Amino acid sequence: GSGSHNIFHQRGSAETNNITMGMICPLLVKSKGEIIWKQPRPQSPNTHRPIVLQLGKETVESLKMYGPITREMADIEKTPIKLIVKGHEVNVSVKIRITALDRKAADAVTGLGGAFCDLCYMFPEEAHNVAELEDALTMSRTLEGTKELVATLLVGSGEVPTKQGDWDTRFGVMRPPTIEKEIESTQGLHLLLR
């Protein structure tokens, strides 16, 4: 998301100064395991195309729209797409990676607004302990694991009850995830960067 877009401001609506967008960029094409094309500039805005442009701030409510989109992404990955190229049928398998979410968006769609890290279950104190990290950082947190934890925490209202000092039972889960596909991002900065 980004803000201060006064050009889009509409009278009577405070939500039109901000834009939330989801972009897609082809990264590579493989044939029989061999890379036949690789995106030379994956970070360039010229290589990205919007799949979502939404006026308004990044909020848990506004980012719920990514739920159906990520379900479609997961469905696309399950079944090859059939194309006809020069009279020949070609099956194309697609792998979609969700990356480059900022902290606010990642917290909103994963439901981990109280988590120190999206990738593991470390306590902040553990992440600042050099001896703890020298062995290896285990990236053990998954979307499926978060959904299972949410199922054990939900109360009748469909909300996850939170209270100070409940990290060892809630592990930073604030609400059910709104997405249906794993995010490949690195939000947890841990030791040196925090």
N, C-alpha and C. Protein backbone atom coordinates (compact mmCIF):
# COMPACT_ATOMS: atom_id res chain seq x y z
N GLY A 1 0.82 -1.18 0.00
CA GLY A 1 0.00 0.00 0.00
C GLY A 1 0.86 1.24 0.00
N SER A 2 0.28 2.33 -0.43
CA SER A 2 0.98 3.60 -0.39
C SER A 2 -0.03 4.71 -0.15
N GLY A 3 0.44 5.82 0.36
CA GLY A 3 -0.48 6.89 0.72
C GLY A 3 -0.14 8.21 0.07
N SER A 4 -0.90 9.23 0.45
CA SER A 4 -0.73 10.61 -0.01
C SER A 4 -0.95 10.77 -1.51
N HIS A 5 -1.90 10.06 -2.04
CA HIS A 5 -2.25 10.20 -3.46
C HIS A 5 -3.42 11.18 -3.58
N ASN A 6 -3.14 12.46 -3.37
CA ASN A 6 -4.20 13.46 -3.37
C ASN A 6 -4.94 13.55 -4.69
N ILE A 7 -4.28 13.16 -5.76
CA ILE A 7 -4.92 13.23 -7.07
C ILE A 7 -6.17 12.34 -7.12
N PHE A 8 -6.18 11.26 -6.30
CA PHE A 8 -7.31 10.34 -6.30
C PHE A 8 -8.36 10.69 -5.25
N HIS A 9 -8.11 11.72 -4.45
CA HIS A 9 -9.01 12.05 -3.35
C HIS A 9 -10.40 12.40 -3.87
N GLN A 10 -11.40 11.78 -3.28
CA GLN A 10 -12.78 12.06 -3.64
C GLN A 10 -13.45 12.71 -2.44
N ARG A 11 -14.18 13.76 -2.68
CA ARG A 11 -14.83 14.49 -1.62
C ARG A 11 -15.72 13.55 -0.79
N GLY A 12 -15.60 13.67 0.52
CA GLY A 12 -16.45 12.88 1.41
C GLY A 12 -15.89 11.50 1.74
N SER A 13 -14.71 11.15 1.23
CA SER A 13 -14.14 9.84 1.52
C SER A 13 -12.67 9.98 1.87
N ALA A 14 -12.34 9.64 3.11
CA ALA A 14 -10.95 9.71 3.57
C ALA A 14 -10.13 8.54 3.04
N GLU A 15 -10.79 7.53 2.51
CA GLU A 15 -10.10 6.31 2.10
C GLU A 15 -9.47 6.39 0.71
N THR A 16 -9.66 7.49 0.01
CA THR A 16 -9.18 7.54 -1.38
C THR A 16 -7.80 8.18 -1.52
N ASN A 17 -7.15 8.54 -0.43
CA ASN A 17 -5.79 9.06 -0.51
C ASN A 17 -4.77 7.94 -0.54
N ASN A 18 -5.19 6.69 -0.35
CA ASN A 18 -4.28 5.55 -0.29
C ASN A 18 -4.66 4.52 -1.34
N ILE A 19 -3.67 3.80 -1.81
CA ILE A 19 -3.89 2.74 -2.79
C ILE A 19 -3.20 1.47 -2.30
N THR A 20 -3.93 0.37 -2.34
CA THR A 20 -3.37 -0.95 -2.06
C THR A 20 -3.33 -1.69 -3.39
N MET A 21 -2.17 -2.32 -3.69
CA MET A 21 -2.09 -3.02 -4.97
C MET A 21 -1.39 -4.35 -4.83
N GLY A 22 -1.82 -5.29 -5.63
CA GLY A 22 -1.17 -6.58 -5.75
C GLY A 22 -0.66 -6.71 -7.17
N MET A 23 0.59 -7.11 -7.31
CA MET A 23 1.20 -7.17 -8.63
C MET A 23 1.66 -8.60 -8.92
N ILE A 24 1.79 -8.89 -10.21
CA ILE A 24 2.31 -10.20 -10.62
C ILE A 24 3.45 -9.96 -11.61
N CYS A 25 4.46 -10.82 -11.52
CA CYS A 25 5.63 -10.71 -12.39
C CYS A 25 6.09 -12.11 -12.76
N PRO A 26 6.19 -12.46 -14.04
CA PRO A 26 6.73 -13.77 -14.41
C PRO A 26 8.22 -13.81 -14.08
N LEU A 27 8.66 -14.85 -13.39
CA LEU A 27 10.06 -14.93 -12.97
C LEU A 27 10.89 -15.84 -13.85
N LEU A 28 10.35 -17.01 -14.24
CA LEU A 28 11.13 -17.89 -15.11
C LEU A 28 10.22 -18.89 -15.80
N VAL A 29 10.76 -19.46 -16.87
CA VAL A 29 10.08 -20.51 -17.62
C VAL A 29 11.04 -21.69 -17.70
N LYS A 30 10.53 -22.87 -17.31
CA LYS A 30 11.34 -24.09 -17.38
C LYS A 30 10.70 -25.06 -18.36
N SER A 31 11.54 -25.85 -18.99
CA SER A 31 11.08 -26.94 -19.84
C SER A 31 11.89 -28.17 -19.49
N LYS A 32 11.22 -29.22 -19.04
CA LYS A 32 11.87 -30.47 -18.65
C LYS A 32 13.00 -30.21 -17.64
N GLY A 33 12.72 -29.32 -16.68
CA GLY A 33 13.69 -29.03 -15.63
C GLY A 33 14.75 -28.01 -15.98
N GLU A 34 14.83 -27.63 -17.25
CA GLU A 34 15.85 -26.67 -17.70
C GLU A 34 15.23 -25.28 -17.81
N ILE A 35 15.92 -24.27 -17.26
CA ILE A 35 15.44 -22.89 -17.35
C ILE A 35 15.69 -22.39 -18.77
N ILE A 36 14.60 -22.02 -19.46
CA ILE A 36 14.75 -21.52 -20.83
C ILE A 36 14.58 -20.00 -20.90
N TRP A 37 14.06 -19.40 -19.83
CA TRP A 37 13.96 -17.94 -19.76
C TRP A 37 13.91 -17.55 -18.30
N LYS A 38 14.64 -16.49 -17.94
CA LYS A 38 14.63 -15.97 -16.58
C LYS A 38 14.47 -14.46 -16.63
N GLN A 39 13.60 -13.94 -15.76
CA GLN A 39 13.34 -12.51 -15.71
C GLN A 39 14.62 -11.75 -15.38
N PRO A 40 15.11 -10.91 -16.29
CA PRO A 40 16.36 -10.20 -16.01
C PRO A 40 16.21 -9.08 -14.97
N ARG A 41 15.01 -8.56 -14.81
CA ARG A 41 14.80 -7.45 -13.87
C ARG A 41 13.55 -7.68 -13.02
N PRO A 42 13.60 -8.64 -12.08
CA PRO A 42 12.40 -8.97 -11.31
C PRO A 42 11.90 -7.87 -10.39
N GLN A 43 12.74 -6.90 -10.05
CA GLN A 43 12.30 -5.82 -9.17
C GLN A 43 11.86 -4.56 -9.93
N SER A 44 11.98 -4.59 -11.23
CA SER A 44 11.62 -3.41 -12.02
C SER A 44 10.10 -3.26 -12.10
N PRO A 45 9.59 -2.03 -11.92
CA PRO A 45 8.14 -1.82 -12.06
C PRO A 45 7.65 -2.09 -13.47
N ASN A 46 8.55 -2.05 -14.44
CA ASN A 46 8.15 -2.31 -15.83
C ASN A 46 7.81 -3.77 -16.08
N THR A 47 8.24 -4.68 -15.21
CA THR A 47 7.98 -6.11 -15.42
C THR A 47 6.75 -6.59 -14.65
N HIS A 48 6.12 -5.72 -13.85
CA HIS A 48 4.99 -6.11 -13.02
C HIS A 48 3.68 -5.61 -13.63
N ARG A 49 2.64 -6.40 -13.43
CA ARG A 49 1.31 -6.02 -13.87
C ARG A 49 0.35 -6.16 -12.69
N PRO A 50 -0.57 -5.22 -12.55
CA PRO A 50 -1.48 -5.27 -11.40
C PRO A 50 -2.53 -6.37 -11.54
N ILE A 51 -2.79 -7.05 -10.43
CA ILE A 51 -3.94 -7.96 -10.38
C ILE A 51 -4.99 -7.38 -9.43
N VAL A 52 -4.57 -6.43 -8.58
CA VAL A 52 -5.48 -5.74 -7.67
C VAL A 52 -5.04 -4.29 -7.53
N LEU A 53 -5.93 -3.37 -7.72
CA LEU A 53 -5.74 -1.97 -7.39
C LEU A 53 -6.96 -1.55 -6.59
N GLN A 54 -6.75 -1.16 -5.35
CA GLN A 54 -7.88 -0.87 -4.47
C GLN A 54 -7.62 0.45 -3.75
N LEU A 55 -8.57 1.36 -3.82
CA LEU A 55 -8.46 2.58 -3.05
C LEU A 55 -8.71 2.26 -1.59
N GLY A 56 -7.94 2.86 -0.72
CA GLY A 56 -8.13 2.65 0.71
C GLY A 56 -6.86 2.17 1.38
N LYS A 57 -6.86 2.28 2.70
CA LYS A 57 -5.69 1.88 3.48
C LYS A 57 -5.61 0.36 3.62
N GLU A 58 -4.40 -0.13 3.90
CA GLU A 58 -4.20 -1.55 4.20
C GLU A 58 -4.77 -1.82 5.59
N THR A 59 -5.87 -2.53 5.63
CA THR A 59 -6.45 -2.94 6.90
C THR A 59 -6.76 -4.43 6.81
N VAL A 60 -7.00 -5.03 7.95
CA VAL A 60 -7.37 -6.46 7.95
C VAL A 60 -8.60 -6.64 7.07
N GLU A 61 -9.57 -5.75 7.20
CA GLU A 61 -10.81 -5.87 6.43
C GLU A 61 -10.58 -5.71 4.94
N SER A 62 -9.81 -4.69 4.54
CA SER A 62 -9.62 -4.46 3.10
C SER A 62 -8.76 -5.54 2.46
N LEU A 63 -7.86 -6.16 3.22
CA LEU A 63 -6.98 -7.18 2.65
C LEU A 63 -7.63 -8.57 2.62
N LYS A 64 -8.85 -8.69 3.13
CA LYS A 64 -9.56 -9.97 3.04
C LYS A 64 -9.83 -10.36 1.59
N MET A 65 -9.80 -9.39 0.69
CA MET A 65 -10.03 -9.69 -0.73
C MET A 65 -8.97 -10.63 -1.28
N TYR A 66 -7.81 -10.72 -0.63
CA TYR A 66 -6.75 -11.60 -1.11
C TYR A 66 -7.06 -13.07 -0.83
N GLY A 67 -8.03 -13.36 0.05
CA GLY A 67 -8.43 -14.74 0.32
C GLY A 67 -8.86 -15.47 -0.95
N PRO A 68 -9.90 -14.95 -1.64
CA PRO A 68 -10.32 -15.61 -2.89
C PRO A 68 -9.23 -15.64 -3.96
N ILE A 69 -8.41 -14.60 -4.02
CA ILE A 69 -7.34 -14.56 -5.02
C ILE A 69 -6.32 -15.65 -4.74
N THR A 70 -5.94 -15.83 -3.47
CA THR A 70 -4.95 -16.87 -3.15
C THR A 70 -5.55 -18.27 -3.31
N ARG A 71 -6.85 -18.43 -3.13
CA ARG A 71 -7.49 -19.73 -3.42
C ARG A 71 -7.38 -20.04 -4.90
N GLU A 72 -7.63 -19.02 -5.75
CA GLU A 72 -7.49 -19.22 -7.19
C GLU A 72 -6.06 -19.56 -7.57
N MET A 73 -5.10 -18.90 -6.92
CA MET A 73 -3.68 -19.20 -7.20
C MET A 73 -3.37 -20.65 -6.87
N ALA A 74 -3.84 -21.11 -5.72
CA ALA A 74 -3.61 -22.50 -5.32
C ALA A 74 -4.26 -23.47 -6.31
N ASP A 75 -5.46 -23.14 -6.80
CA ASP A 75 -6.15 -23.99 -7.77
C ASP A 75 -5.40 -24.04 -9.10
N ILE A 76 -4.87 -22.91 -9.54
CA ILE A 76 -4.11 -22.86 -10.80
C ILE A 76 -2.90 -23.78 -10.73
N GLU A 77 -2.26 -23.83 -9.56
CA GLU A 77 -1.07 -24.67 -9.41
C GLU A 77 -1.38 -26.17 -9.46
N LYS A 78 -2.61 -26.54 -9.13
CA LYS A 78 -2.96 -27.97 -9.07
C LYS A 78 -3.12 -28.61 -10.44
N THR A 79 -3.57 -27.84 -11.43
CA THR A 79 -3.88 -28.41 -12.74
C THR A 79 -3.10 -27.68 -13.83
N PRO A 80 -2.35 -28.40 -14.66
CA PRO A 80 -1.62 -27.74 -15.75
C PRO A 80 -2.59 -27.04 -16.71
N ILE A 81 -2.11 -25.96 -17.28
CA ILE A 81 -2.88 -25.21 -18.27
C ILE A 81 -2.50 -25.75 -19.64
N LYS A 82 -3.51 -26.04 -20.47
CA LYS A 82 -3.24 -26.57 -21.81
C LYS A 82 -3.22 -25.42 -22.82
N LEU A 83 -2.12 -25.31 -23.55
CA LEU A 83 -1.97 -24.31 -24.59
C LEU A 83 -1.71 -25.00 -25.92
N ILE A 84 -2.12 -24.35 -27.00
CA ILE A 84 -1.80 -24.84 -28.33
C ILE A 84 -0.72 -23.92 -28.90
N VAL A 85 0.47 -24.47 -29.13
CA VAL A 85 1.60 -23.71 -29.65
C VAL A 85 2.01 -24.33 -30.98
N LYS A 86 1.86 -23.57 -32.07
CA LYS A 86 2.21 -24.04 -33.41
C LYS A 86 1.57 -25.39 -33.71
N GLY A 87 0.29 -25.52 -33.34
CA GLY A 87 -0.46 -26.74 -33.62
C GLY A 87 -0.22 -27.89 -32.66
N HIS A 88 0.63 -27.71 -31.66
CA HIS A 88 0.91 -28.76 -30.69
C HIS A 88 0.37 -28.36 -29.32
N GLU A 89 -0.22 -29.36 -28.65
CA GLU A 89 -0.73 -29.11 -27.30
C GLU A 89 0.42 -29.14 -26.31
N VAL A 90 0.50 -28.12 -25.47
CA VAL A 90 1.55 -28.01 -24.47
C VAL A 90 0.91 -27.84 -23.09
N ASN A 91 1.32 -28.67 -22.15
CA ASN A 91 0.85 -28.52 -20.77
C ASN A 91 1.80 -27.59 -20.02
N VAL A 92 1.27 -26.57 -19.41
CA VAL A 92 2.07 -25.60 -18.68
C VAL A 92 1.70 -25.67 -17.20
N SER A 93 2.67 -26.00 -16.36
CA SER A 93 2.47 -25.99 -14.92
C SER A 93 2.89 -24.63 -14.39
N VAL A 94 2.15 -24.14 -13.42
CA VAL A 94 2.39 -22.81 -12.88
C VAL A 94 2.71 -22.92 -11.39
N LYS A 95 3.73 -22.21 -10.94
CA LYS A 95 4.03 -22.07 -9.51
C LYS A 95 3.99 -20.59 -9.20
N ILE A 96 3.12 -20.21 -8.30
CA ILE A 96 2.97 -18.81 -7.93
C ILE A 96 3.53 -18.62 -6.53
N ARG A 97 4.42 -17.64 -6.38
CA ARG A 97 5.01 -17.33 -5.08
C ARG A 97 4.49 -15.98 -4.63
N ILE A 98 4.08 -15.91 -3.37
CA ILE A 98 3.67 -14.64 -2.79
C ILE A 98 4.85 -14.11 -1.99
N THR A 99 5.36 -12.96 -2.40
CA THR A 99 6.54 -12.37 -1.75
C THR A 99 6.32 -10.86 -1.61
N ALA A 100 7.30 -10.21 -1.05
CA ALA A 100 7.38 -8.75 -1.00
C ALA A 100 6.19 -8.08 -0.31
N LEU A 101 5.69 -8.70 0.74
CA LEU A 101 4.67 -8.04 1.56
C LEU A 101 5.36 -7.23 2.64
N ASP A 102 4.86 -6.03 2.88
CA ASP A 102 5.43 -5.29 4.00
C ASP A 102 4.84 -5.84 5.30
N ARG A 103 5.39 -5.40 6.40
CA ARG A 103 5.02 -5.96 7.71
C ARG A 103 3.52 -5.82 7.98
N LYS A 104 2.94 -4.67 7.68
CA LYS A 104 1.53 -4.43 7.96
C LYS A 104 0.64 -5.38 7.17
N ALA A 105 0.92 -5.53 5.89
CA ALA A 105 0.12 -6.43 5.04
C ALA A 105 0.31 -7.88 5.46
N ALA A 106 1.55 -8.28 5.76
CA ALA A 106 1.81 -9.66 6.17
C ALA A 106 1.07 -9.98 7.46
N ASP A 107 1.10 -9.07 8.43
CA ASP A 107 0.37 -9.28 9.68
C ASP A 107 -1.12 -9.43 9.44
N ALA A 108 -1.67 -8.60 8.54
CA ALA A 108 -3.11 -8.63 8.27
C ALA A 108 -3.55 -9.93 7.62
N VAL A 109 -2.83 -10.40 6.61
CA VAL A 109 -3.30 -11.58 5.88
C VAL A 109 -2.94 -12.91 6.56
N THR A 110 -1.86 -12.91 7.37
CA THR A 110 -1.49 -14.16 8.05
C THR A 110 -2.17 -14.31 9.40
N GLY A 111 -2.71 -13.20 9.94
CA GLY A 111 -3.31 -13.25 11.27
C GLY A 111 -2.29 -13.21 12.39
N LEU A 112 -1.02 -12.94 12.05
CA LEU A 112 0.06 -12.99 13.03
C LEU A 112 0.47 -11.60 13.51
N GLY A 113 -0.49 -10.74 13.74
CA GLY A 113 -0.18 -9.37 14.16
C GLY A 113 0.58 -9.26 15.46
N GLY A 114 0.55 -10.29 16.30
CA GLY A 114 1.28 -10.25 17.56
C GLY A 114 2.55 -11.07 17.54
N ALA A 115 2.92 -11.59 16.37
CA ALA A 115 4.09 -12.46 16.27
C ALA A 115 5.35 -11.64 16.10
N PHE A 116 6.42 -12.11 16.69
CA PHE A 116 7.73 -11.50 16.49
C PHE A 116 8.24 -11.84 15.10
N CYS A 117 7.90 -13.03 14.59
CA CYS A 117 8.39 -13.50 13.31
C CYS A 117 7.31 -14.30 12.60
N ASP A 118 7.23 -14.15 11.28
CA ASP A 118 6.29 -14.93 10.46
C ASP A 118 6.83 -16.32 10.15
N LEU A 119 8.13 -16.53 10.37
CA LEU A 119 8.78 -17.75 9.91
C LEU A 119 8.99 -18.79 11.00
N CYS A 120 9.02 -18.37 12.27
CA CYS A 120 9.33 -19.30 13.34
C CYS A 120 8.52 -18.96 14.59
N TYR A 121 8.74 -19.72 15.64
CA TYR A 121 8.02 -19.54 16.89
C TYR A 121 8.91 -18.97 18.00
N MET A 122 10.01 -18.33 17.62
CA MET A 122 10.93 -17.80 18.62
C MET A 122 10.30 -16.67 19.43
N PHE A 123 10.68 -16.61 20.70
CA PHE A 123 10.37 -15.47 21.53
C PHE A 123 11.35 -14.37 21.16
N PRO A 124 11.00 -13.12 21.34
CA PRO A 124 11.97 -12.04 21.05
C PRO A 124 13.28 -12.22 21.81
N GLU A 125 13.21 -12.67 23.06
CA GLU A 125 14.43 -12.87 23.85
C GLU A 125 15.35 -13.91 23.20
N GLU A 126 14.76 -14.98 22.66
CA GLU A 126 15.56 -16.02 22.01
C GLU A 126 16.23 -15.48 20.75
N ALA A 127 15.52 -14.65 20.01
CA ALA A 127 16.04 -14.12 18.76
C ALA A 127 17.19 -13.15 18.96
N HIS A 128 17.32 -12.63 20.15
CA HIS A 128 18.42 -11.72 20.45
C HIS A 128 19.58 -12.43 21.13
N ASN A 129 19.50 -13.74 21.21
CA ASN A 129 20.55 -14.54 21.84
C ASN A 129 21.43 -15.14 20.74
N VAL A 130 22.66 -14.65 20.62
CA VAL A 130 23.56 -15.09 19.55
C VAL A 130 23.78 -16.60 19.60
N ALA A 131 23.98 -17.15 20.79
CA ALA A 131 24.23 -18.59 20.92
C ALA A 131 23.05 -19.40 20.39
N GLU A 132 21.85 -18.93 20.60
CA GLU A 132 20.63 -19.61 20.14
C GLU A 132 20.58 -19.64 18.61
N LEU A 133 21.02 -18.57 17.98
CA LEU A 133 20.92 -18.46 16.53
C LEU A 133 22.10 -19.06 15.78
N GLU A 134 23.22 -19.25 16.45
CA GLU A 134 24.40 -19.78 15.75
C GLU A 134 24.18 -21.19 15.23
N ASP A 135 23.40 -21.99 15.95
CA ASP A 135 23.14 -23.36 15.49
C ASP A 135 22.37 -23.33 14.18
N ALA A 136 21.25 -22.66 14.16
CA ALA A 136 20.44 -22.50 12.95
C ALA A 136 19.09 -21.95 13.33
N LEU A 137 18.54 -21.18 12.46
CA LEU A 137 17.20 -20.67 12.64
C LEU A 137 16.25 -21.63 11.95
N THR A 138 15.37 -22.26 12.71
CA THR A 138 14.43 -23.20 12.13
C THR A 138 13.18 -22.46 11.69
N MET A 139 12.94 -22.45 10.39
CA MET A 139 11.76 -21.79 9.85
C MET A 139 10.61 -22.78 9.87
N SER A 140 9.95 -22.85 11.02
CA SER A 140 8.97 -23.91 11.25
C SER A 140 7.53 -23.45 11.18
N ARG A 141 7.27 -22.17 11.06
CA ARG A 141 5.89 -21.68 11.03
C ARG A 141 5.33 -21.84 9.62
N THR A 142 4.13 -22.42 9.52
CA THR A 142 3.47 -22.60 8.23
C THR A 142 2.05 -22.07 8.30
N LEU A 143 1.46 -21.81 7.16
CA LEU A 143 0.07 -21.36 7.11
C LEU A 143 -0.84 -22.44 7.68
N GLU A 144 -0.59 -23.70 7.32
CA GLU A 144 -1.41 -24.80 7.83
C GLU A 144 -1.31 -24.90 9.35
N GLY A 145 -0.08 -24.76 9.88
CA GLY A 145 0.12 -24.79 11.32
C GLY A 145 -0.60 -23.65 12.03
N THR A 146 -0.59 -22.47 11.40
CA THR A 146 -1.31 -21.32 11.97
C THR A 146 -2.81 -21.59 11.98
N LYS A 147 -3.33 -22.16 10.90
CA LYS A 147 -4.77 -22.48 10.85
C LYS A 147 -5.14 -23.49 11.94
N GLU A 148 -4.28 -24.49 12.14
CA GLU A 148 -4.54 -25.49 13.20
C GLU A 148 -4.53 -24.84 14.58
N LEU A 149 -3.58 -23.94 14.81
CA LEU A 149 -3.51 -23.24 16.09
C LEU A 149 -4.74 -22.37 16.29
N VAL A 150 -5.15 -21.65 15.26
CA VAL A 150 -6.35 -20.80 15.34
C VAL A 150 -7.56 -21.64 15.71
N ALA A 151 -7.68 -22.83 15.14
CA ALA A 151 -8.84 -23.70 15.43
C ALA A 151 -8.91 -24.05 16.91
N THR A 152 -7.77 -24.15 17.58
CA THR A 152 -7.78 -24.48 19.01
C THR A 152 -8.03 -23.25 19.87
N LEU A 153 -7.81 -22.06 19.32
CA LEU A 153 -7.93 -20.82 20.10
C LEU A 153 -9.25 -20.10 19.94
N LEU A 154 -9.96 -20.33 18.84
CA LEU A 154 -11.19 -19.57 18.56
C LEU A 154 -12.23 -19.75 19.65
N VAL A 155 -12.91 -18.67 19.95
CA VAL A 155 -14.04 -18.71 20.88
C VAL A 155 -15.32 -18.61 20.07
N GLY A 156 -16.46 -18.69 20.71
CA GLY A 156 -17.75 -18.69 20.03
C GLY A 156 -17.96 -17.55 19.06
N SER A 157 -17.36 -16.39 19.31
CA SER A 157 -17.56 -15.23 18.44
C SER A 157 -16.73 -15.31 17.16
N GLY A 158 -15.88 -16.34 17.04
CA GLY A 158 -15.02 -16.47 15.87
C GLY A 158 -13.75 -15.66 15.99
N GLU A 159 -13.46 -15.16 17.18
CA GLU A 159 -12.26 -14.35 17.40
C GLU A 159 -11.27 -15.12 18.26
N VAL A 160 -10.01 -14.73 18.15
CA VAL A 160 -8.95 -15.30 18.99
C VAL A 160 -8.80 -14.39 20.20
N PRO A 161 -9.10 -14.89 21.40
CA PRO A 161 -8.92 -14.04 22.59
C PRO A 161 -7.43 -13.80 22.85
N THR A 162 -7.09 -12.57 23.19
CA THR A 162 -5.70 -12.23 23.45
C THR A 162 -5.57 -11.57 24.82
N LYS A 163 -4.45 -11.81 25.46
CA LYS A 163 -4.13 -11.12 26.71
C LYS A 163 -2.62 -11.04 26.82
N GLN A 164 -2.15 -10.09 27.57
CA GLN A 164 -0.72 -9.89 27.72
C GLN A 164 -0.10 -11.12 28.37
N GLY A 165 1.05 -11.54 27.84
CA GLY A 165 1.78 -12.66 28.42
C GLY A 165 1.31 -14.04 27.97
N ASP A 166 0.52 -14.12 26.90
CA ASP A 166 0.00 -15.43 26.46
C ASP A 166 0.75 -15.98 25.24
N TRP A 167 1.98 -15.51 25.03
CA TRP A 167 2.77 -15.93 23.86
C TRP A 167 2.92 -17.44 23.78
N ASP A 168 3.13 -18.11 24.90
CA ASP A 168 3.39 -19.55 24.88
C ASP A 168 2.17 -20.38 24.50
N THR A 169 0.99 -19.79 24.41
CA THR A 169 -0.18 -20.51 23.93
C THR A 169 -0.68 -19.98 22.58
N ARG A 170 -0.50 -18.68 22.33
CA ARG A 170 -1.03 -18.04 21.13
C ARG A 170 0.03 -17.83 20.06
N PHE A 171 1.29 -17.75 20.43
CA PHE A 171 2.41 -17.58 19.49
C PHE A 171 2.20 -16.44 18.50
N GLY A 172 1.58 -15.36 18.96
CA GLY A 172 1.40 -14.18 18.12
C GLY A 172 0.19 -14.19 17.23
N VAL A 173 -0.62 -15.26 17.26
CA VAL A 173 -1.82 -15.31 16.43
C VAL A 173 -2.85 -14.32 16.98
N MET A 174 -3.35 -13.46 16.11
CA MET A 174 -4.35 -12.46 16.50
C MET A 174 -5.74 -12.78 15.93
N ARG A 175 -5.75 -13.45 14.76
CA ARG A 175 -7.01 -13.72 14.08
C ARG A 175 -6.76 -14.82 13.04
N PRO A 176 -7.80 -15.42 12.51
CA PRO A 176 -7.60 -16.42 11.45
C PRO A 176 -6.95 -15.80 10.22
N PRO A 177 -6.07 -16.54 9.53
CA PRO A 177 -5.49 -16.02 8.28
C PRO A 177 -6.58 -15.80 7.24
N THR A 178 -6.40 -14.81 6.38
CA THR A 178 -7.38 -14.55 5.32
C THR A 178 -6.90 -15.06 3.97
N ILE A 179 -5.73 -15.68 3.93
CA ILE A 179 -5.19 -16.19 2.67
C ILE A 179 -5.20 -17.70 2.66
N GLU A 180 -5.05 -18.26 1.48
CA GLU A 180 -5.10 -19.71 1.31
C GLU A 180 -3.80 -20.26 0.73
N LYS A 181 -2.76 -19.45 0.70
CA LYS A 181 -1.50 -19.87 0.10
C LYS A 181 -0.35 -19.37 0.96
N GLU A 182 0.66 -20.20 1.08
CA GLU A 182 1.84 -19.86 1.89
C GLU A 182 2.52 -18.61 1.34
N ILE A 183 3.00 -17.76 2.24
CA ILE A 183 3.75 -16.57 1.84
C ILE A 183 5.23 -16.87 1.97
N GLU A 184 5.99 -16.56 0.94
CA GLU A 184 7.44 -16.74 0.98
C GLU A 184 8.10 -15.38 1.19
N SER A 185 7.99 -14.90 2.41
CA SER A 185 8.59 -13.61 2.71
C SER A 185 9.51 -13.74 3.91
N THR A 186 10.27 -12.73 4.17
CA THR A 186 11.21 -12.76 5.29
C THR A 186 10.95 -11.56 6.19
N GLN A 187 9.84 -11.60 6.91
CA GLN A 187 9.49 -10.49 7.79
C GLN A 187 10.30 -10.49 9.08
N GLY A 188 10.70 -11.68 9.56
CA GLY A 188 11.42 -11.74 10.82
C GLY A 188 12.87 -11.32 10.64
N LEU A 189 13.25 -10.21 11.20
CA LEU A 189 14.60 -9.71 11.01
C LEU A 189 15.54 -10.19 12.12
N HIS A 190 14.98 -10.60 13.23
CA HIS A 190 15.72 -11.20 14.33
C HIS A 190 16.88 -10.35 14.86
N LEU A 191 17.97 -11.01 15.04
CA LEU A 191 19.05 -10.53 15.90
C LEU A 191 19.62 -9.15 15.57
N LEU A 192 20.31 -9.01 14.46
CA LEU A 192 21.07 -7.79 14.22
C LEU A 192 20.23 -6.63 13.69
N LEU A 193 19.14 -6.92 13.03
CA LEU A 193 18.40 -5.86 12.38
C LEU A 193 17.29 -5.27 13.23
N ARG A 194 17.04 -5.83 14.41
CA ARG A 194 15.99 -5.26 15.26
C ARG A 194 16.63 -4.60 16.43
